[in-house]
Amino acid sequence: SNGNWANGLVEVQVYAKNDKENVT
């Protein structure tokens, strides 16, 4: 069933390699 009463993020993480030539 729909659990919209629980809307919200618990945790989001995004990891990336550091490309020093293209970092702004």
mmCIF file of all heavy atoms, coordinates in Angstrom:
data_MODEL
# 
_entry.id   MODEL 
# 
loop_
_atom_site.group_PDB 
_atom_site.id 
_atom_site.type_symbol 
_atom_site.label_atom_id 
_atom_site.label_alt_id 
_atom_site.label_comp_id 
_atom_site.label_asym_id 
_atom_site.label_entity_id 
_atom_site.label_seq_id 
_atom_site.pdbx_PDB_ins_code 
_atom_site.Cartn_x 
_atom_site.Cartn_y 
_atom_site.Cartn_z 
_atom_site.occupancy 
_atom_site.B_iso_or_equiv 
_atom_site.pdbx_formal_charge 
_atom_site.auth_seq_id 
_atom_site.auth_comp_id 
_atom_site.auth_asym_id 
_atom_site.auth_atom_id 
_atom_site.pdbx_PDB_model_num 
ATOM 1   N N   . SER A 1 1  ? 0.837  -1.192 0.000   1.00 0.00 ? 1  SER A N   1 
ATOM 2   C CA  . SER A 1 1  ? 0.000  0.000  0.000   1.00 0.00 ? 1  SER A CA  1 
ATOM 3   C C   . SER A 1 1  ? 0.876  1.248  0.000   1.00 0.00 ? 1  SER A C   1 
ATOM 4   O O   . SER A 1 1  ? 2.067  1.200  0.303   1.00 0.00 ? 1  SER A O   1 
ATOM 5   C CB  . SER A 1 1  ? -0.935 0.007  1.204   1.00 0.00 ? 1  SER A CB  1 
ATOM 6   O OG  . SER A 1 1  ? -0.190 0.118  2.407   1.00 0.00 ? 1  SER A OG  1 
ATOM 7   N N   . ASN A 1 2  ? 0.253  2.353  -0.330  1.00 0.00 ? 2  ASN A N   1 
ATOM 8   C CA  . ASN A 1 2  ? 0.954  3.622  -0.418  1.00 0.00 ? 2  ASN A CA  1 
ATOM 9   C C   . ASN A 1 2  ? 1.490  4.027  0.955   1.00 0.00 ? 2  ASN A C   1 
ATOM 10  O O   . ASN A 1 2  ? 0.767  4.024  1.933   1.00 0.00 ? 2  ASN A O   1 
ATOM 11  C CB  . ASN A 1 2  ? -0.026 4.679  -0.925  1.00 0.00 ? 2  ASN A CB  1 
ATOM 12  C CG  . ASN A 1 2  ? 0.642  5.764  -1.683  1.00 0.00 ? 2  ASN A CG  1 
ATOM 13  O OD1 . ASN A 1 2  ? 1.861  5.877  -1.672  1.00 0.00 ? 2  ASN A OD1 1 
ATOM 14  N ND2 . ASN A 1 2  ? -0.153 6.570  -2.351  1.00 0.00 ? 2  ASN A ND2 1 
ATOM 15  N N   . GLY A 1 3  ? 2.757  4.357  1.009   1.00 0.00 ? 3  GLY A N   1 
ATOM 16  C CA  . GLY A 1 3  ? 3.383  4.753  2.270   1.00 0.00 ? 3  GLY A CA  1 
ATOM 17  C C   . GLY A 1 3  ? 3.773  6.217  2.256   1.00 0.00 ? 3  GLY A C   1 
ATOM 18  O O   . GLY A 1 3  ? 4.801  6.585  2.829   1.00 0.00 ? 3  GLY A O   1 
ATOM 19  N N   . ASN A 1 4  ? 2.980  7.058  1.600   1.00 0.00 ? 4  ASN A N   1 
ATOM 20  C CA  . ASN A 1 4  ? 3.339  8.465  1.479   1.00 0.00 ? 4  ASN A CA  1 
ATOM 21  C C   . ASN A 1 4  ? 3.469  9.167  2.821   1.00 0.00 ? 4  ASN A C   1 
ATOM 22  O O   . ASN A 1 4  ? 4.122  10.194 2.914   1.00 0.00 ? 4  ASN A O   1 
ATOM 23  C CB  . ASN A 1 4  ? 2.339  9.208  0.594   1.00 0.00 ? 4  ASN A CB  1 
ATOM 24  C CG  . ASN A 1 4  ? 2.522  8.871  -0.867  1.00 0.00 ? 4  ASN A CG  1 
ATOM 25  O OD1 . ASN A 1 4  ? 3.580  8.388  -1.267  1.00 0.00 ? 4  ASN A OD1 1 
ATOM 26  N ND2 . ASN A 1 4  ? 1.502  9.096  -1.659  1.00 0.00 ? 4  ASN A ND2 1 
ATOM 27  N N   . TRP A 1 5  ? 2.847  8.640  3.861   1.00 0.00 ? 5  TRP A N   1 
ATOM 28  C CA  . TRP A 1 5  ? 3.003  9.229  5.198   1.00 0.00 ? 5  TRP A CA  1 
ATOM 29  C C   . TRP A 1 5  ? 4.456  9.166  5.653   1.00 0.00 ? 5  TRP A C   1 
ATOM 30  O O   . TRP A 1 5  ? 4.863  9.891  6.556   1.00 0.00 ? 5  TRP A O   1 
ATOM 31  C CB  . TRP A 1 5  ? 2.096  8.522  6.200   1.00 0.00 ? 5  TRP A CB  1 
ATOM 32  C CG  . TRP A 1 5  ? 2.312  7.038  6.250   1.00 0.00 ? 5  TRP A CG  1 
ATOM 33  C CD1 . TRP A 1 5  ? 1.647  6.092  5.523   1.00 0.00 ? 5  TRP A CD1 1 
ATOM 34  C CD2 . TRP A 1 5  ? 3.268  6.336  7.033   1.00 0.00 ? 5  TRP A CD2 1 
ATOM 35  N NE1 . TRP A 1 5  ? 2.134  4.838  5.804   1.00 0.00 ? 5  TRP A NE1 1 
ATOM 36  C CE2 . TRP A 1 5  ? 3.129  4.956  6.741   1.00 0.00 ? 5  TRP A CE2 1 
ATOM 37  C CE3 . TRP A 1 5  ? 4.228  6.711  7.962   1.00 0.00 ? 5  TRP A CE3 1 
ATOM 38  C CZ2 . TRP A 1 5  ? 3.917  3.988  7.331   1.00 0.00 ? 5  TRP A CZ2 1 
ATOM 39  C CZ3 . TRP A 1 5  ? 5.000  5.728  8.552   1.00 0.00 ? 5  TRP A CZ3 1 
ATOM 40  C CH2 . TRP A 1 5  ? 4.836  4.386  8.237   1.00 0.00 ? 5  TRP A CH2 1 
ATOM 41  N N   . ALA A 1 6  ? 5.265  8.319  5.001   1.00 0.00 ? 6  ALA A N   1 
ATOM 42  C CA  . ALA A 1 6  ? 6.680  8.181  5.366   1.00 0.00 ? 6  ALA A CA  1 
ATOM 43  C C   . ALA A 1 6  ? 7.582  8.955  4.410   1.00 0.00 ? 6  ALA A C   1 
ATOM 44  O O   . ALA A 1 6  ? 8.767  8.686  4.335   1.00 0.00 ? 6  ALA A O   1 
ATOM 45  C CB  . ALA A 1 6  ? 7.068  6.709  5.380   1.00 0.00 ? 6  ALA A CB  1 
ATOM 46  N N   . ASN A 1 7  ? 7.013  9.904  3.663   1.00 0.00 ? 7  ASN A N   1 
ATOM 47  C CA  . ASN A 1 7  ? 7.825  10.692 2.720   1.00 0.00 ? 7  ASN A CA  1 
ATOM 48  C C   . ASN A 1 7  ? 9.028  11.298 3.412   1.00 0.00 ? 7  ASN A C   1 
ATOM 49  O O   . ASN A 1 7  ? 8.936  11.758 4.540   1.00 0.00 ? 7  ASN A O   1 
ATOM 50  C CB  . ASN A 1 7  ? 6.996  11.817 2.101   1.00 0.00 ? 7  ASN A CB  1 
ATOM 51  C CG  . ASN A 1 7  ? 6.138  11.336 0.965   1.00 0.00 ? 7  ASN A CG  1 
ATOM 52  O OD1 . ASN A 1 7  ? 6.274  10.223 0.493   1.00 0.00 ? 7  ASN A OD1 1 
ATOM 53  N ND2 . ASN A 1 7  ? 5.239  12.182 0.523   1.00 0.00 ? 7  ASN A ND2 1 
ATOM 54  N N   . GLY A 1 8  ? 10.119 11.288 2.734   1.00 0.00 ? 8  GLY A N   1 
ATOM 55  C CA  . GLY A 1 8  ? 11.339 11.893 3.250   1.00 0.00 ? 8  GLY A CA  1 
ATOM 56  C C   . GLY A 1 8  ? 12.521 10.993 2.972   1.00 0.00 ? 8  GLY A C   1 
ATOM 57  O O   . GLY A 1 8  ? 12.381 9.795  2.771   1.00 0.00 ? 8  GLY A O   1 
ATOM 58  N N   . LEU A 1 9  ? 13.679 11.581 2.958   1.00 0.00 ? 9  LEU A N   1 
ATOM 59  C CA  . LEU A 1 9  ? 14.897 10.827 2.710   1.00 0.00 ? 9  LEU A CA  1 
ATOM 60  C C   . LEU A 1 9  ? 15.565 10.488 4.025   1.00 0.00 ? 9  LEU A C   1 
ATOM 61  O O   . LEU A 1 9  ? 15.654 11.324 4.918   1.00 0.00 ? 9  LEU A O   1 
ATOM 62  C CB  . LEU A 1 9  ? 15.864 11.637 1.849   1.00 0.00 ? 9  LEU A CB  1 
ATOM 63  C CG  . LEU A 1 9  ? 15.384 11.961 0.450   1.00 0.00 ? 9  LEU A CG  1 
ATOM 64  C CD1 . LEU A 1 9  ? 16.370 12.881 -0.241  1.00 0.00 ? 9  LEU A CD1 1 
ATOM 65  C CD2 . LEU A 1 9  ? 15.189 10.696 -0.351  1.00 0.00 ? 9  LEU A CD2 1 
ATOM 66  N N   . VAL A 1 10 ? 16.032 9.270  4.126   1.00 0.00 ? 10 VAL A N   1 
ATOM 67  C CA  . VAL A 1 10 ? 16.796 8.873  5.290   1.00 0.00 ? 10 VAL A CA  1 
ATOM 68  C C   . VAL A 1 10 ? 18.256 9.234  5.060   1.00 0.00 ? 10 VAL A C   1 
ATOM 69  O O   . VAL A 1 10 ? 18.891 9.867  5.894   1.00 0.00 ? 10 VAL A O   1 
ATOM 70  C CB  . VAL A 1 10 ? 16.636 7.365  5.569   1.00 0.00 ? 10 VAL A CB  1 
ATOM 71  C CG1 . VAL A 1 10 ? 17.515 6.939  6.721   1.00 0.00 ? 10 VAL A CG1 1 
ATOM 72  C CG2 . VAL A 1 10 ? 15.179 7.043  5.850   1.00 0.00 ? 10 VAL A CG2 1 
ATOM 73  N N   . GLU A 1 11 ? 18.782 8.857  3.900   1.00 0.00 ? 11 GLU A N   1 
ATOM 74  C CA  . GLU A 1 11 ? 20.177 9.161  3.591   1.00 0.00 ? 11 GLU A CA  1 
ATOM 75  C C   . GLU A 1 11 ? 20.421 9.008  2.104   1.00 0.00 ? 11 GLU A C   1 
ATOM 76  O O   . GLU A 1 11 ? 19.953 8.056  1.488   1.00 0.00 ? 11 GLU A O   1 
ATOM 77  C CB  . GLU A 1 11 ? 21.094 8.211  4.356   1.00 0.00 ? 11 GLU A CB  1 
ATOM 78  C CG  . GLU A 1 11 ? 22.558 8.476  4.147   1.00 0.00 ? 11 GLU A CG  1 
ATOM 79  C CD  . GLU A 1 11 ? 23.438 7.580  5.013   1.00 0.00 ? 11 GLU A CD  1 
ATOM 80  O OE1 . GLU A 1 11 ? 22.926 6.904  5.905   1.00 0.00 ? 11 GLU A OE1 1 
ATOM 81  O OE2 . GLU A 1 11 ? 24.642 7.584  4.762   1.00 0.00 ? 11 GLU A OE2 1 
ATOM 82  N N   . VAL A 1 12 ? 21.150 9.941  1.522   1.00 0.00 ? 12 VAL A N   1 
ATOM 83  C CA  . VAL A 1 12 ? 21.578 9.863  0.125   1.00 0.00 ? 12 VAL A CA  1 
ATOM 84  C C   . VAL A 1 12 ? 23.041 10.268 0.084   1.00 0.00 ? 12 VAL A C   1 
ATOM 85  O O   . VAL A 1 12 ? 23.421 11.297 0.642   1.00 0.00 ? 12 VAL A O   1 
ATOM 86  C CB  . VAL A 1 12 ? 20.765 10.804 -0.789  1.00 0.00 ? 12 VAL A CB  1 
ATOM 87  C CG1 . VAL A 1 12 ? 21.328 10.812 -2.189  1.00 0.00 ? 12 VAL A CG1 1 
ATOM 88  C CG2 . VAL A 1 12 ? 19.309 10.407 -0.800  1.00 0.00 ? 12 VAL A CG2 1 
ATOM 89  N N   . GLN A 1 13 ? 23.856 9.459  -0.551  1.00 0.00 ? 13 GLN A N   1 
ATOM 90  C CA  . GLN A 1 13 ? 25.269 9.770  -0.714  1.00 0.00 ? 13 GLN A CA  1 
ATOM 91  C C   . GLN A 1 13 ? 25.666 9.498  -2.160  1.00 0.00 ? 13 GLN A C   1 
ATOM 92  O O   . GLN A 1 13 ? 25.260 8.496  -2.731  1.00 0.00 ? 13 GLN A O   1 
ATOM 93  C CB  . GLN A 1 13 ? 26.132 8.916  0.214   1.00 0.00 ? 13 GLN A CB  1 
ATOM 94  C CG  . GLN A 1 13 ? 25.883 9.171  1.674   1.00 0.00 ? 13 GLN A CG  1 
ATOM 95  C CD  . GLN A 1 13 ? 26.768 8.315  2.565   1.00 0.00 ? 13 GLN A CD  1 
ATOM 96  O OE1 . GLN A 1 13 ? 27.595 7.543  2.101   1.00 0.00 ? 13 GLN A OE1 1 
ATOM 97  N NE2 . GLN A 1 13 ? 26.576 8.457  3.856   1.00 0.00 ? 13 GLN A NE2 1 
ATOM 98  N N   . VAL A 1 14 ? 26.453 10.398 -2.725  1.00 0.00 ? 14 VAL A N   1 
ATOM 99  C CA  . VAL A 1 14 ? 26.979 10.223 -4.076  1.00 0.00 ? 14 VAL A CA  1 
ATOM 100 C C   . VAL A 1 14 ? 28.488 10.377 -3.988  1.00 0.00 ? 14 VAL A C   1 
ATOM 101 O O   . VAL A 1 14 ? 28.984 11.366 -3.458  1.00 0.00 ? 14 VAL A O   1 
ATOM 102 C CB  . VAL A 1 14 ? 26.396 11.271 -5.057  1.00 0.00 ? 14 VAL A CB  1 
ATOM 103 C CG1 . VAL A 1 14 ? 27.019 11.110 -6.437  1.00 0.00 ? 14 VAL A CG1 1 
ATOM 104 C CG2 . VAL A 1 14 ? 24.882 11.155 -5.122  1.00 0.00 ? 14 VAL A CG2 1 
ATOM 105 N N   . TYR A 1 15 ? 29.196 9.394  -4.480  1.00 0.00 ? 15 TYR A N   1 
ATOM 106 C CA  . TYR A 1 15 ? 30.652 9.416  -4.470  1.00 0.00 ? 15 TYR A CA  1 
ATOM 107 C C   . TYR A 1 15 ? 31.168 9.534  -5.893  1.00 0.00 ? 15 TYR A C   1 
ATOM 108 O O   . TYR A 1 15 ? 30.568 9.021  -6.828  1.00 0.00 ? 15 TYR A O   1 
ATOM 109 C CB  . TYR A 1 15 ? 31.214 8.128  -3.853  1.00 0.00 ? 15 TYR A CB  1 
ATOM 110 C CG  . TYR A 1 15 ? 30.819 7.951  -2.411  1.00 0.00 ? 15 TYR A CG  1 
ATOM 111 C CD1 . TYR A 1 15 ? 29.723 7.181  -2.064  1.00 0.00 ? 15 TYR A CD1 1 
ATOM 112 C CD2 . TYR A 1 15 ? 31.545 8.563  -1.407  1.00 0.00 ? 15 TYR A CD2 1 
ATOM 113 C CE1 . TYR A 1 15 ? 29.359 7.013  -0.741  1.00 0.00 ? 15 TYR A CE1 1 
ATOM 114 C CE2 . TYR A 1 15 ? 31.188 8.401  -0.073  1.00 0.00 ? 15 TYR A CE2 1 
ATOM 115 C CZ  . TYR A 1 15 ? 30.094 7.630  0.248   1.00 0.00 ? 15 TYR A CZ  1 
ATOM 116 O OH  . TYR A 1 15 ? 29.733 7.474  1.558   1.00 0.00 ? 15 TYR A OH  1 
ATOM 117 N N   . ALA A 1 16 ? 32.307 10.195 -6.035  1.00 0.00 ? 16 ALA A N   1 
ATOM 118 C CA  . ALA A 1 16 ? 32.893 10.371 -7.367  1.00 0.00 ? 16 ALA A CA  1 
ATOM 119 C C   . ALA A 1 16 ? 34.403 10.405 -7.267  1.00 0.00 ? 16 ALA A C   1 
ATOM 120 O O   . ALA A 1 16 ? 34.964 10.755 -6.244  1.00 0.00 ? 16 ALA A O   1 
ATOM 121 C CB  . ALA A 1 16 ? 32.391 11.662 -7.993  1.00 0.00 ? 16 ALA A CB  1 
ATOM 122 N N   . LYS A 1 17 ? 35.036 10.039 -8.367  1.00 0.00 ? 17 LYS A N   1 
ATOM 123 C CA  . LYS A 1 17 ? 36.481 10.209 -8.473  1.00 0.00 ? 17 LYS A CA  1 
ATOM 124 C C   . LYS A 1 17 ? 36.761 11.679 -8.728  1.00 0.00 ? 17 LYS A C   1 
ATOM 125 O O   . LYS A 1 17 ? 36.010 12.350 -9.429  1.00 0.00 ? 17 LYS A O   1 
ATOM 126 C CB  . LYS A 1 17 ? 37.040 9.371  -9.628  1.00 0.00 ? 17 LYS A CB  1 
ATOM 127 C CG  . LYS A 1 17 ? 36.971 7.904  -9.390  1.00 0.00 ? 17 LYS A CG  1 
ATOM 128 C CD  . LYS A 1 17 ? 37.578 7.177  -10.565 1.00 0.00 ? 17 LYS A CD  1 
ATOM 129 C CE  . LYS A 1 17 ? 37.501 5.691  -10.385 1.00 0.00 ? 17 LYS A CE  1 
ATOM 130 N NZ  . LYS A 1 17 ? 38.046 4.974  -11.544 1.00 0.00 ? 17 LYS A NZ  1 
ATOM 131 N N   . ASN A 1 18 ? 37.844 12.164 -8.197  1.00 0.00 ? 18 ASN A N   1 
ATOM 132 C CA  . ASN A 1 18 ? 38.230 13.556 -8.401  1.00 0.00 ? 18 ASN A CA  1 
ATOM 133 C C   . ASN A 1 18 ? 39.045 13.658 -9.679  1.00 0.00 ? 18 ASN A C   1 
ATOM 134 O O   . ASN A 1 18 ? 40.169 13.198 -9.757  1.00 0.00 ? 18 ASN A O   1 
ATOM 135 C CB  . ASN A 1 18 ? 39.041 14.052 -7.205  1.00 0.00 ? 18 ASN A CB  1 
ATOM 136 C CG  . ASN A 1 18 ? 39.347 15.525 -7.299  1.00 0.00 ? 18 ASN A CG  1 
ATOM 137 O OD1 . ASN A 1 18 ? 38.928 16.194 -8.228  1.00 0.00 ? 18 ASN A OD1 1 
ATOM 138 N ND2 . ASN A 1 18 ? 40.073 16.032 -6.342  1.00 0.00 ? 18 ASN A ND2 1 
ATOM 139 N N   . ASP A 1 19 ? 38.450 14.266 -10.686 1.00 0.00 ? 19 ASP A N   1 
ATOM 140 C CA  . ASP A 1 19 ? 39.124 14.491 -11.964 1.00 0.00 ? 19 ASP A CA  1 
ATOM 141 C C   . ASP A 1 19 ? 39.684 15.909 -11.926 1.00 0.00 ? 19 ASP A C   1 
ATOM 142 O O   . ASP A 1 19 ? 39.017 16.874 -12.279 1.00 0.00 ? 19 ASP A O   1 
ATOM 143 C CB  . ASP A 1 19 ? 38.141 14.315 -13.116 1.00 0.00 ? 19 ASP A CB  1 
ATOM 144 C CG  . ASP A 1 19 ? 38.796 14.412 -14.476 1.00 0.00 ? 19 ASP A CG  1 
ATOM 145 O OD1 . ASP A 1 19 ? 40.003 14.715 -14.547 1.00 0.00 ? 19 ASP A OD1 1 
ATOM 146 O OD2 . ASP A 1 19 ? 38.086 14.197 -15.470 1.00 0.00 ? 19 ASP A OD2 1 
ATOM 147 N N   . LYS A 1 20 ? 40.917 16.061 -11.475 1.00 0.00 ? 20 LYS A N   1 
ATOM 148 C CA  . LYS A 1 20 ? 41.494 17.374 -11.201 1.00 0.00 ? 20 LYS A CA  1 
ATOM 149 C C   . LYS A 1 20 ? 41.502 18.297 -12.421 1.00 0.00 ? 20 LYS A C   1 
ATOM 150 O O   . LYS A 1 20 ? 41.464 19.504 -12.289 1.00 0.00 ? 20 LYS A O   1 
ATOM 151 C CB  . LYS A 1 20 ? 42.906 17.221 -10.641 1.00 0.00 ? 20 LYS A CB  1 
ATOM 152 C CG  . LYS A 1 20 ? 42.910 16.603 -9.268  1.00 0.00 ? 20 LYS A CG  1 
ATOM 153 C CD  . LYS A 1 20 ? 44.296 16.508 -8.705  1.00 0.00 ? 20 LYS A CD  1 
ATOM 154 C CE  . LYS A 1 20 ? 44.203 15.840 -7.333  1.00 0.00 ? 20 LYS A CE  1 
ATOM 155 N NZ  . LYS A 1 20 ? 45.475 15.716 -6.691  1.00 0.00 ? 20 LYS A NZ  1 
ATOM 156 N N   . GLU A 1 21 ? 41.521 17.749 -13.612 1.00 0.00 ? 21 GLU A N   1 
ATOM 157 C CA  . GLU A 1 21 ? 41.538 18.587 -14.807 1.00 0.00 ? 21 GLU A CA  1 
ATOM 158 C C   . GLU A 1 21 ? 40.184 19.260 -15.056 1.00 0.00 ? 21 GLU A C   1 
ATOM 159 O O   . GLU A 1 21 ? 40.113 20.280 -15.716 1.00 0.00 ? 21 GLU A O   1 
ATOM 160 C CB  . GLU A 1 21 ? 41.921 17.757 -16.024 1.00 0.00 ? 21 GLU A CB  1 
ATOM 161 C CG  . GLU A 1 21 ? 43.344 17.225 -15.957 1.00 0.00 ? 21 GLU A CG  1 
ATOM 162 C CD  . GLU A 1 21 ? 43.674 16.341 -17.149 1.00 0.00 ? 21 GLU A CD  1 
ATOM 163 O OE1 . GLU A 1 21 ? 42.899 16.361 -18.136 1.00 0.00 ? 21 GLU A OE1 1 
ATOM 164 O OE2 . GLU A 1 21 ? 44.687 15.655 -17.107 1.00 0.00 ? 21 GLU A OE2 1 
ATOM 165 N N   . ASN A 1 22 ? 39.086 18.682 -14.531 1.00 0.00 ? 22 ASN A N   1 
ATOM 166 C CA  . ASN A 1 22 ? 37.760 19.211 -14.819 1.00 0.00 ? 22 ASN A CA  1 
ATOM 167 C C   . ASN A 1 22 ? 37.035 19.731 -13.583 1.00 0.00 ? 22 ASN A C   1 
ATOM 168 O O   . ASN A 1 22 ? 35.840 19.965 -13.643 1.00 0.00 ? 22 ASN A O   1 
ATOM 169 C CB  . ASN A 1 22 ? 36.905 18.124 -15.478 1.00 0.00 ? 22 ASN A CB  1 
ATOM 170 C CG  . ASN A 1 22 ? 37.454 17.742 -16.831 1.00 0.00 ? 22 ASN A CG  1 
ATOM 171 O OD1 . ASN A 1 22 ? 37.899 18.600 -17.571 1.00 0.00 ? 22 ASN A OD1 1 
ATOM 172 N ND2 . ASN A 1 22 ? 37.450 16.469 -17.141 1.00 0.00 ? 22 ASN A ND2 1 
ATOM 173 N N   . VAL A 1 23 ? 37.714 19.917 -12.476 1.00 0.00 ? 23 VAL A N   1 
ATOM 174 C CA  . VAL A 1 23 ? 37.055 20.364 -11.255 1.00 0.00 ? 23 VAL A CA  1 
ATOM 175 C C   . VAL A 1 23 ? 36.835 21.861 -11.309 1.00 0.00 ? 23 VAL A C   1 
ATOM 176 O O   . VAL A 1 23 ? 37.735 22.639 -11.617 1.00 0.00 ? 23 VAL A O   1 
ATOM 177 C CB  . VAL A 1 23 ? 37.911 20.005 -10.005 1.00 0.00 ? 23 VAL A CB  1 
ATOM 178 C CG1 . VAL A 1 23 ? 37.309 20.636 -8.767  1.00 0.00 ? 23 VAL A CG1 1 
ATOM 179 C CG2 . VAL A 1 23 ? 38.000 18.506 -9.853  1.00 0.00 ? 23 VAL A CG2 1 
ATOM 180 N N   . THR A 1 24 ? 35.573 22.272 -11.052 1.00 0.00 ? 24 THR A N   1 
ATOM 181 C CA  . THR A 1 24 ? 35.255 23.695 -10.941 1.00 0.00 ? 24 THR A CA  1 
ATOM 182 C C   . THR A 1 24 ? 34.475 23.896 -9.654  1.00 0.00 ? 24 THR A C   1 
ATOM 183 O O   . THR A 1 24 ? 33.797 22.980 -9.174  1.00 0.00 ? 24 THR A O   1 
ATOM 184 C CB  . THR A 1 24 ? 34.411 24.189 -12.129 1.00 0.00 ? 24 THR A CB  1 
ATOM 185 O OG1 . THR A 1 24 ? 33.214 23.403 -12.200 1.00 0.00 ? 24 THR A OG1 1 
ATOM 186 C CG2 . THR A 1 24 ? 35.168 24.077 -13.430 1.00 0.00 ? 24 THR A CG2 1 
# 
